[in-house]
Amino acid sequence: MKKFISVKDAYSIPALIESALAYKANPFKDKSLGINKTIGMLFLNPSMRTRISTQLAAKHLGMEAIVFNVSNEGWALEFEEEVIMSGNTVEHVKDAAPVLGKYFDVLGVRTFPTLKDKAEDYSEFFIQQFIKYSGVPVVSLESATLHPLQSLTDIITITESFKEKRKPKIVLTWAPHVKVLPQCVANSFAQWINAWGQADFVITHPEDYELDEQFTNGATILHDQKEALKEADFVYVKNWSTYNDYGKIYSNDPSWMLTQKKMEVTNHAKVMHCLPVRRNVELSDEVLDNSNSLVTQQAGNRVWAAQAVLSEILKSIQ
């Protein structure tokens, strides 16, 4: 594996799941794999779970992780080509990224969408510039449109939680939120579940909240949340802003919040959320604190997803 920014970089989803669960059972089984290797983790926006889980994964493999919060610890970076740098940016990525490639064996990068320019966001311009100029493998710690480490984690969690000999019904449901949020987690979850091909997959959201079809193609799309939830085995809750009229909130309808009453039509479904979560806005307390909530288990599995990916990256650069 030379990079990890989407499901397209996953040579085998089942193999990555197996690897992650093996690391969960024995975290230090490859503790020498990353000896004398370093990962630089660049955050252009804040993180808690992604940052800590990736640091732990690197430690389990013997790597050293160095974290750099670009937004408040470094120079303002310029990404545009052939720009006249007479504004607020101080250093061009063409100069910064190759230096980082000299310092680190692997580069983890977390970017964030503008939610203003859809074409730029969906080109993954910022993370692609690091891939282009750093000269080392780049791992997405979340990007403008995707969050592959989260999505791999989600499938790992579903796999270890579902033991029936049939395909589970998985529902991704939109939820209200007080802020304009990107589509990256929802896009990525849809992309990975569709590529995995081991589920009956339904996406439900209000009208006008359609996601990009390149990620959702293969899923059933319903605007009736109650109908979508029927016989669900897993319910993944996430807010996202509009895609077609980009980055807008048309409705913050509280009736879309997931409640225990709504869960009555499911097949005793397990509930998932990537965190952080707005309690009693996206999900009610009674759902989050219920024994069917997987959110803590899901967050814990972030370590093993990152470790599975980093081990494959390390094997490619030995």
Protein backbone atom coordinates (compact mmCIF):
# COMPACT_ATOMS: atom_id res chain seq x y z
CA MET A 1 0.00 0.00 0.00
CA LYS A 2 1.61 3.26 -1.16
CA LYS A 3 -1.09 5.63 0.15
CA PHE A 4 -4.43 5.49 1.93
CA ILE A 5 -6.97 8.15 1.05
CA SER A 6 -10.00 6.07 -0.02
CA VAL A 7 -11.34 2.54 -0.32
CA LYS A 8 -9.61 2.35 -3.70
CA ASP A 9 -6.30 2.07 -1.85
CA ALA A 10 -7.48 -0.92 0.16
CA TYR A 11 -6.12 -3.99 -1.61
CA SER A 12 -8.60 -6.20 0.29
CA ILE A 13 -11.23 -5.05 2.77
CA PRO A 14 -11.58 -8.53 4.35
CA ALA A 15 -7.80 -8.75 4.79
CA LEU A 16 -7.66 -5.33 6.47
CA ILE A 17 -10.51 -6.35 8.79
CA GLU A 18 -8.71 -9.57 9.67
CA SER A 19 -5.47 -7.69 10.28
CA ALA A 20 -7.17 -5.12 12.50
CA LEU A 21 -8.89 -7.75 14.64
CA ALA A 22 -5.60 -9.63 14.97
CA TYR A 23 -3.98 -6.43 16.28
CA LYS A 24 -6.88 -5.94 18.67
CA ALA A 25 -6.19 -9.41 20.08
CA ASN A 26 -2.42 -8.84 20.20
CA PRO A 27 -1.45 -5.17 19.79
CA PHE A 28 2.32 -5.70 19.98
CA LYS A 29 2.68 -8.72 17.70
CA ASP A 30 4.51 -6.57 15.11
CA LYS A 31 6.19 -4.23 17.57
CA SER A 32 9.43 -4.18 15.55
CA LEU A 33 7.86 -3.53 12.15
CA GLY A 34 8.19 0.24 12.48
CA ILE A 35 11.45 0.43 14.40
CA ASN A 36 13.49 3.45 13.20
CA LYS A 37 10.51 4.71 11.19
CA THR A 38 8.60 7.92 11.83
CA ILE A 39 5.15 9.19 10.92
CA GLY A 40 4.52 12.90 10.75
CA MET A 41 0.91 13.81 11.48
CA LEU A 42 -0.20 17.17 10.11
CA PHE A 43 -3.50 18.59 11.28
CA LEU A 44 -5.02 21.46 9.37
CA ASN A 45 -8.07 21.14 11.62
CA PRO A 46 -8.54 19.71 15.12
CA SER A 47 -8.79 16.05 16.07
CA MET A 48 -9.09 13.88 19.15
CA ARG A 49 -9.87 10.25 18.19
CA THR A 50 -8.00 10.28 14.87
CA ARG A 51 -4.92 11.86 16.42
CA ILE A 52 -4.70 9.68 19.52
CA SER A 53 -5.69 6.40 17.87
CA THR A 54 -3.13 6.84 15.08
CA GLN A 55 -0.41 7.74 17.57
CA LEU A 56 -1.20 4.59 19.56
CA ALA A 57 -1.25 2.46 16.40
CA ALA A 58 2.17 3.79 15.42
CA LYS A 59 3.52 3.12 18.93
CA HIS A 60 2.28 -0.49 18.82
CA LEU A 61 4.28 -0.98 15.61
CA GLY A 62 7.44 0.58 17.02
CA MET A 63 7.13 3.84 15.07
CA GLU A 64 7.64 7.31 16.43
CA ALA A 65 4.79 9.72 15.77
CA ILE A 66 5.33 13.47 15.62
CA VAL A 67 2.24 15.67 15.63
CA PHE A 68 2.17 19.12 14.06
CA ASN A 69 -0.91 21.34 14.29
CA VAL A 70 -0.41 23.45 11.19
CA SER A 71 -3.22 25.89 11.96
CA ASN A 72 -1.65 27.25 15.15
CA GLU A 73 1.96 26.02 15.21
CA GLY A 74 3.25 26.66 11.70
CA TRP A 75 3.30 29.08 8.82
CA ALA A 76 0.14 29.59 6.81
CA LEU A 77 0.50 27.31 3.81
CA GLU A 78 -0.21 28.19 0.18
CA PHE A 79 -1.51 25.41 -2.09
CA GLU A 80 -2.33 27.12 -5.39
CA GLU A 81 0.09 26.69 -8.29
CA GLU A 82 1.82 29.71 -9.85
CA VAL A 83 0.39 32.03 -7.22
CA ILE A 84 1.97 35.36 -6.35
CA MET A 85 2.45 35.00 -2.60
CA SER A 86 1.82 38.60 -1.61
CA GLY A 87 -1.02 37.78 0.79
CA ASN A 88 -1.27 36.05 4.18
CA THR A 89 0.32 32.73 3.21
CA VAL A 90 4.00 32.39 4.06
CA GLU A 91 5.13 29.00 2.76
CA HIS A 92 4.12 27.01 -0.31
CA VAL A 93 3.29 23.33 -0.05
CA LYS A 94 5.77 22.77 -2.91
CA ASP A 95 8.50 23.80 -0.48
CA ALA A 96 7.09 22.43 2.77
CA ALA A 97 5.99 18.96 1.63
CA PRO A 98 9.37 17.80 0.19
CA VAL A 99 11.05 18.81 3.45
CA LEU A 100 8.50 16.82 5.42
CA GLY A 101 9.23 13.92 3.08
CA LYS A 102 12.87 14.13 4.17
CA TYR A 103 11.91 14.16 7.85
CA PHE A 104 9.31 11.36 7.83
CA ASP A 105 8.83 7.89 6.36
CA VAL A 106 5.04 8.28 6.33
CA LEU A 107 2.93 11.42 6.33
CA GLY A 108 -0.56 11.57 7.84
CA VAL A 109 -2.60 14.59 6.77
CA ARG A 110 -5.93 15.89 8.02
CA THR A 111 -7.58 18.53 5.86
CA PHE A 112 -11.06 20.02 5.83
CA PRO A 113 -13.40 21.26 3.11
CA THR A 114 -14.14 24.91 2.48
CA LEU A 115 -17.83 24.02 1.99
CA LYS A 116 -17.81 26.91 -0.48
CA ASP A 117 -16.11 25.58 -3.61
CA LYS A 118 -17.47 22.12 -4.39
CA ALA A 119 -15.17 21.52 -7.34
CA GLU A 120 -12.08 22.28 -5.27
CA ASP A 121 -13.24 20.24 -2.29
CA TYR A 122 -14.17 17.22 -4.38
CA SER A 123 -10.87 17.34 -6.25
CA GLU A 124 -9.21 16.67 -2.86
CA PHE A 125 -6.81 19.41 -3.87
CA PHE A 126 -5.10 19.92 -0.50
CA ILE A 127 -4.26 16.31 0.31
CA GLN A 128 -3.35 15.65 -3.33
CA GLN A 129 -0.73 18.41 -3.11
CA PHE A 130 0.93 16.59 -0.21
CA ILE A 131 0.84 13.34 -2.18
CA LYS A 132 2.32 15.10 -5.20
CA TYR A 133 5.20 16.86 -3.44
CA SER A 134 6.13 14.91 -0.28
CA GLY A 135 7.59 11.83 -1.95
CA VAL A 136 6.45 9.50 0.87
CA PRO A 137 3.27 7.49 1.50
CA VAL A 138 0.38 9.70 2.62
CA VAL A 139 -2.38 8.48 4.94
CA SER A 140 -5.62 10.45 5.13
CA LEU A 141 -6.53 11.41 8.67
CA GLU A 142 -9.73 12.82 7.11
CA SER A 143 -9.98 14.89 3.97
CA ALA A 144 -12.44 17.22 2.30
CA THR A 145 -14.72 14.44 1.07
CA LEU A 146 -13.67 11.18 2.77
CA HIS A 147 -12.62 9.67 6.11
CA PRO A 148 -11.26 6.21 5.24
CA LEU A 149 -9.81 5.31 8.65
CA GLN A 150 -13.22 5.95 10.19
CA SER A 151 -14.99 3.87 7.56
CA LEU A 152 -12.62 0.93 7.93
CA THR A 153 -13.24 1.15 11.67
CA ASP A 154 -16.98 1.08 11.07
CA ILE A 155 -16.80 -2.13 9.03
CA ILE A 156 -14.52 -3.72 11.63
CA THR A 157 -17.08 -2.88 14.31
CA ILE A 158 -19.97 -4.27 12.26
CA THR A 159 -18.01 -7.45 11.51
CA GLU A 160 -17.23 -8.22 15.14
CA SER A 161 -20.78 -7.36 16.25
CA PHE A 162 -22.78 -9.41 13.72
CA LYS A 163 -22.50 -13.17 13.81
CA GLU A 164 -25.57 -14.28 11.83
CA LYS A 165 -25.08 -16.13 8.54
CA ARG A 166 -26.77 -13.52 6.39
CA LYS A 167 -26.14 -10.01 5.19
CA PRO A 168 -26.98 -7.38 7.81
CA LYS A 169 -29.27 -4.49 6.97
CA ILE A 170 -27.30 -1.29 7.54
CA VAL A 171 -29.02 2.10 7.55
CA LEU A 172 -27.18 5.40 7.30
CA THR A 173 -29.54 8.08 8.56
CA TRP A 174 -29.16 11.84 8.36
CA ALA A 175 -29.56 13.70 11.65
CA PRO A 176 -30.10 17.36 12.51
CA HIS A 177 -27.18 19.50 13.69
CA VAL A 178 -26.54 23.08 14.75
CA LYS A 179 -23.61 23.60 12.35
CA VAL A 180 -22.91 23.16 8.66
CA LEU A 181 -20.94 19.91 8.42
CA PRO A 182 -19.20 18.28 5.44
CA GLN A 183 -20.29 15.11 3.68
CA CYS A 184 -16.98 13.28 4.23
CA VAL A 185 -18.03 10.70 6.87
CA ALA A 186 -21.28 9.89 5.09
CA ASN A 187 -19.55 9.74 1.68
CA SER A 188 -16.84 7.50 3.02
CA PHE A 189 -19.18 5.16 4.90
CA ALA A 190 -21.29 4.73 1.76
CA GLN A 191 -18.22 4.16 -0.39
CA TRP A 192 -16.81 1.48 1.92
CA ILE A 193 -20.09 -0.35 2.59
CA ASN A 194 -20.82 -0.50 -1.14
CA ALA A 195 -17.30 -1.70 -1.94
CA TRP A 196 -17.48 -4.29 0.86
CA GLY A 197 -20.64 -5.70 -0.67
CA GLN A 198 -21.66 -7.65 2.44
CA ALA A 199 -24.76 -5.71 3.49
CA ASP A 200 -28.24 -4.63 2.51
CA PHE A 201 -27.50 -0.90 2.54
CA VAL A 202 -30.05 1.90 2.89
CA ILE A 203 -29.46 5.64 3.14
CA THR A 204 -32.23 7.84 4.49
CA HIS A 205 -32.33 11.63 4.58
CA PRO A 206 -34.69 14.55 3.95
CA GLU A 207 -35.21 15.63 0.37
CA ASP A 208 -32.42 17.85 -1.00
CA TYR A 209 -29.75 16.13 1.13
CA GLU A 210 -28.64 13.71 -1.58
CA LEU A 211 -24.98 12.73 -1.51
CA ASP A 212 -22.68 12.42 -4.52
CA GLU A 213 -23.76 9.36 -6.50
CA GLN A 214 -20.17 8.25 -6.99
CA PHE A 215 -20.27 7.21 -3.32
CA THR A 216 -23.89 6.14 -2.86
CA ASN A 217 -24.40 4.15 -6.07
CA GLY A 218 -25.51 0.69 -4.97
CA ALA A 219 -27.46 1.83 -1.90
CA THR A 220 -31.22 2.19 -1.59
CA ILE A 221 -32.14 5.85 -0.97
CA LEU A 222 -35.29 6.62 1.05
CA HIS A 223 -36.73 9.90 2.33
CA ASP A 224 -38.99 8.11 4.82
CA GLN A 225 -36.84 7.45 7.90
CA LYS A 226 -39.35 5.11 9.54
CA GLU A 227 -39.57 2.97 6.42
CA ALA A 228 -35.79 2.88 6.13
CA LEU A 229 -35.33 1.77 9.74
CA LYS A 230 -37.58 -1.27 9.46
CA GLU A 231 -35.70 -4.50 10.28
CA ALA A 232 -32.36 -2.67 10.43
CA ASP A 233 -29.50 -4.47 12.15
CA PHE A 234 -27.26 -1.40 12.34
CA VAL A 235 -28.18 2.29 12.30
CA TYR A 236 -25.38 4.76 11.60
CA VAL A 237 -26.30 8.33 12.52
CA LYS A 238 -24.58 11.32 10.90
CA ASN A 239 -25.37 14.84 9.82
CA TRP A 240 -24.19 16.33 6.54
CA SER A 241 -24.88 19.53 4.65
CA THR A 242 -26.32 19.75 1.15
CA TYR A 243 -24.26 18.54 -1.80
CA ASN A 244 -26.06 19.88 -4.88
CA ASP A 245 -26.58 23.42 -3.55
CA TYR A 246 -23.27 23.01 -1.83
CA GLY A 247 -22.67 23.40 1.90
CA LYS A 248 -26.11 24.57 3.01
CA ILE A 249 -28.56 23.71 5.78
CA TYR A 250 -32.06 23.64 4.29
CA SER A 251 -33.70 22.10 7.31
CA ASN A 252 -32.73 21.33 10.87
CA ASP A 253 -35.86 19.26 11.44
CA PRO A 254 -35.70 17.83 15.00
CA SER A 255 -38.05 15.03 13.97
CA TRP A 256 -35.05 13.33 12.31
CA MET A 257 -33.26 12.87 15.65
CA LEU A 258 -32.94 9.16 16.41
CA THR A 259 -34.96 8.13 19.47
CA GLN A 260 -35.61 4.84 21.23
CA LYS A 261 -39.21 4.96 19.99
CA LYS A 262 -37.98 4.98 16.39
CA MET A 263 -35.75 1.99 17.14
CA GLU A 264 -38.80 -0.19 17.84
CA VAL A 265 -39.19 -1.00 14.13
CA THR A 266 -35.59 -2.20 13.82
CA ASN A 267 -34.22 -5.69 14.42
CA HIS A 268 -32.87 -4.65 17.85
CA ALA A 269 -30.39 -2.61 15.85
CA LYS A 270 -26.98 -1.58 17.06
CA VAL A 271 -26.42 2.18 16.88
CA MET A 272 -23.26 3.80 15.53
CA HIS A 273 -21.87 7.33 15.36
CA CYS A 274 -18.34 8.54 14.57
CA LEU A 275 -18.24 11.08 17.45
CA PRO A 276 -18.25 13.79 18.59
CA VAL A 277 -22.04 13.72 18.92
CA ARG A 278 -24.52 16.42 19.86
CA ARG A 279 -26.64 14.66 22.46
CA ASN A 280 -30.39 15.20 22.15
CA VAL A 281 -29.85 16.86 18.78
CA GLU A 282 -28.54 14.01 16.61
CA LEU A 283 -29.36 11.16 19.00
CA SER A 284 -31.26 11.07 22.25
CA ASP A 285 -29.56 10.18 25.52
CA GLU A 286 -31.66 7.03 25.75
CA VAL A 287 -30.24 5.75 22.46
CA LEU A 288 -26.63 6.69 23.17
CA ASP A 289 -26.70 5.23 26.67
CA ASN A 290 -28.54 2.07 25.64
CA SER A 291 -26.77 -1.30 25.64
CA ASN A 292 -27.22 -1.41 21.85
CA SER A 293 -25.02 1.65 21.38
CA LEU A 294 -21.68 0.78 19.78
CA VAL A 295 -20.20 4.27 19.81
CA THR A 296 -17.54 3.56 22.46
CA GLN A 297 -16.57 0.21 20.94
CA GLN A 298 -16.50 1.87 17.52
CA ALA A 299 -14.20 4.66 18.75
CA GLY A 300 -11.93 2.13 20.42
CA ASN A 301 -11.54 0.26 17.16
CA ARG A 302 -9.99 3.35 15.56
CA VAL A 303 -6.63 2.16 16.93
CA TRP A 304 -6.81 -1.22 15.19
CA ALA A 305 -7.97 0.21 11.86
CA ALA A 306 -5.04 2.63 11.87
CA GLN A 307 -2.64 -0.13 12.89
CA ALA A 308 -3.78 -2.38 10.04
CA VAL A 309 -3.26 0.43 7.54
CA LEU A 310 0.11 1.55 8.92
CA SER A 311 1.43 -2.01 8.93
CA GLU A 312 0.62 -2.34 5.21
CA ILE A 313 2.29 1.01 4.51
CA LEU A 314 5.38 -0.06 6.45
CA LYS A 315 5.62 -3.36 4.57
CA SER A 316 5.62 -1.41 1.31
CA ILE A 317 8.61 0.74 2.30
CA GLN A 318 10.83 -1.85 4.00
